[in-house]
N, C-alpha and C. Protein backbone atom coordinates (compact mmCIF):
# COMPACT_ATOMS: atom_id res chain seq x y z
N UNK A 1 -30.25 -21.86 -31.25
CA UNK A 1 -29.32 -20.75 -31.18
C UNK A 1 -29.78 -19.68 -30.19
N UNK A 2 -31.06 -19.51 -30.05
CA UNK A 2 -31.57 -18.47 -29.15
C UNK A 2 -31.21 -18.79 -27.71
N UNK A 3 -31.23 -20.06 -27.35
CA UNK A 3 -30.92 -20.42 -25.97
C UNK A 3 -29.48 -20.08 -25.61
N UNK A 4 -28.57 -20.31 -26.54
CA UNK A 4 -27.16 -20.01 -26.27
C UNK A 4 -26.97 -18.52 -26.02
N UNK A 5 -27.66 -17.69 -26.75
CA UNK A 5 -27.55 -16.25 -26.54
C UNK A 5 -28.09 -15.88 -25.17
N UNK A 6 -29.19 -16.49 -24.76
CA UNK A 6 -29.75 -16.20 -23.44
C UNK A 6 -28.83 -16.70 -22.34
N UNK A 7 -28.23 -17.86 -22.55
CA UNK A 7 -27.30 -18.40 -21.55
C UNK A 7 -26.10 -17.48 -21.37
N UNK A 8 -25.60 -16.95 -22.46
CA UNK A 8 -24.46 -16.04 -22.37
C UNK A 8 -24.84 -14.77 -21.63
N UNK A 9 -26.05 -14.28 -21.87
CA UNK A 9 -26.50 -13.08 -21.17
C UNK A 9 -26.65 -13.36 -19.68
N UNK A 10 -27.14 -14.53 -19.34
CA UNK A 10 -27.29 -14.90 -17.94
C UNK A 10 -25.94 -15.01 -17.26
N UNK A 11 -24.98 -15.64 -17.93
CA UNK A 11 -23.64 -15.75 -17.37
C UNK A 11 -23.00 -14.39 -17.19
N UNK A 12 -23.21 -13.49 -18.13
CA UNK A 12 -22.66 -12.14 -18.01
C UNK A 12 -23.28 -11.41 -16.83
N UNK A 13 -24.59 -11.59 -16.62
CA UNK A 13 -25.26 -10.95 -15.49
C UNK A 13 -24.74 -11.52 -14.17
N UNK A 14 -24.51 -12.82 -14.12
CA UNK A 14 -23.98 -13.44 -12.91
C UNK A 14 -22.58 -12.93 -12.62
N UNK A 15 -21.77 -12.78 -13.65
CA UNK A 15 -20.41 -12.25 -13.47
C UNK A 15 -20.46 -10.85 -12.87
N UNK A 16 -21.37 -10.03 -13.37
CA UNK A 16 -21.50 -8.67 -12.86
C UNK A 16 -21.94 -8.68 -11.40
N UNK A 17 -22.90 -9.53 -11.06
CA UNK A 17 -23.39 -9.63 -9.69
C UNK A 17 -22.29 -10.11 -8.75
N UNK A 18 -21.58 -11.15 -9.14
CA UNK A 18 -20.52 -11.67 -8.28
C UNK A 18 -19.39 -10.67 -8.13
N UNK A 19 -19.11 -9.88 -9.15
CA UNK A 19 -18.11 -8.83 -9.04
C UNK A 19 -18.51 -7.78 -8.01
N UNK A 20 -19.79 -7.40 -8.03
CA UNK A 20 -20.27 -6.42 -7.05
C UNK A 20 -20.23 -7.00 -5.65
N UNK A 21 -20.60 -8.27 -5.50
CA UNK A 21 -20.55 -8.90 -4.19
C UNK A 21 -19.12 -9.01 -3.68
N UNK A 22 -18.19 -9.31 -4.56
CA UNK A 22 -16.79 -9.42 -4.16
C UNK A 22 -16.27 -8.06 -3.69
N UNK A 23 -16.63 -6.99 -4.40
CA UNK A 23 -16.20 -5.64 -3.99
C UNK A 23 -16.82 -5.27 -2.64
N UNK A 24 -18.09 -5.59 -2.45
CA UNK A 24 -18.75 -5.28 -1.17
C UNK A 24 -18.10 -6.05 -0.03
N UNK A 25 -17.75 -7.30 -0.26
CA UNK A 25 -17.08 -8.09 0.77
C UNK A 25 -15.70 -7.52 1.09
N UNK A 26 -14.99 -7.07 0.09
CA UNK A 26 -13.67 -6.48 0.31
C UNK A 26 -13.78 -5.19 1.13
N UNK A 27 -14.77 -4.37 0.83
CA UNK A 27 -14.96 -3.14 1.59
C UNK A 27 -15.34 -3.47 3.03
N UNK A 28 -16.19 -4.48 3.21
CA UNK A 28 -16.58 -4.89 4.56
C UNK A 28 -15.39 -5.39 5.36
N UNK A 29 -14.56 -6.19 4.75
CA UNK A 29 -13.37 -6.70 5.44
C UNK A 29 -12.40 -5.57 5.77
N UNK A 30 -12.30 -4.60 4.88
CA UNK A 30 -11.45 -3.45 5.16
C UNK A 30 -11.97 -2.68 6.37
N UNK A 31 -13.28 -2.53 6.46
CA UNK A 31 -13.88 -1.85 7.60
C UNK A 31 -13.61 -2.60 8.90
N UNK A 32 -13.71 -3.91 8.86
CA UNK A 32 -13.42 -4.71 10.05
C UNK A 32 -11.96 -4.57 10.44
N UNK A 33 -11.08 -4.59 9.45
CA UNK A 33 -9.65 -4.46 9.74
C UNK A 33 -9.34 -3.10 10.37
N UNK A 34 -9.97 -2.04 9.88
CA UNK A 34 -9.76 -0.71 10.45
C UNK A 34 -10.29 -0.68 11.88
N UNK A 35 -11.44 -1.28 12.12
CA UNK A 35 -12.01 -1.31 13.47
C UNK A 35 -11.14 -2.07 14.45
N UNK A 36 -10.64 -3.20 14.04
CA UNK A 36 -9.77 -4.00 14.91
C UNK A 36 -8.47 -3.25 15.19
N UNK A 37 -7.92 -2.63 14.16
CA UNK A 37 -6.68 -1.87 14.34
C UNK A 37 -6.90 -0.72 15.31
N UNK A 38 -8.01 0.00 15.16
CA UNK A 38 -8.31 1.09 16.08
C UNK A 38 -8.44 0.56 17.50
N UNK A 39 -9.13 -0.54 17.67
CA UNK A 39 -9.33 -1.10 19.01
C UNK A 39 -7.99 -1.47 19.64
N UNK A 40 -7.13 -2.10 18.87
CA UNK A 40 -5.84 -2.52 19.41
C UNK A 40 -4.96 -1.32 19.73
N UNK A 41 -4.91 -0.35 18.84
CA UNK A 41 -4.00 0.78 19.03
C UNK A 41 -4.54 1.82 20.01
N UNK A 42 -5.84 2.06 19.99
CA UNK A 42 -6.40 3.14 20.81
C UNK A 42 -7.18 2.58 21.98
N UNK A 43 -8.09 1.69 21.72
CA UNK A 43 -8.97 1.20 22.76
C UNK A 43 -8.27 0.51 23.91
N UNK A 44 -7.32 -0.31 23.63
CA UNK A 44 -6.62 -1.04 24.68
C UNK A 44 -5.71 -0.10 25.49
N UNK A 45 -5.21 0.95 24.85
CA UNK A 45 -4.33 1.87 25.58
C UNK A 45 -5.07 2.68 26.63
N UNK A 46 -6.36 2.93 26.40
CA UNK A 46 -7.13 3.70 27.39
C UNK A 46 -7.88 2.80 28.35
N UNK A 47 -7.65 1.52 28.25
CA UNK A 47 -8.23 0.57 29.20
C UNK A 47 -9.61 0.05 28.83
N UNK A 48 -9.94 0.03 27.57
CA UNK A 48 -11.25 -0.48 27.15
C UNK A 48 -11.34 -1.97 27.28
């Protein structure tokens, strides 16, 4: 019975870690999207 409790705790910790990684990836992709949008709208207009 003790192993099952430890396994559940490990799975819960993994869920928390993957949730944080997913949020970090989403924020990173948002940053890339903002950068690309800025480049297309502003950078190309001034001849970059």
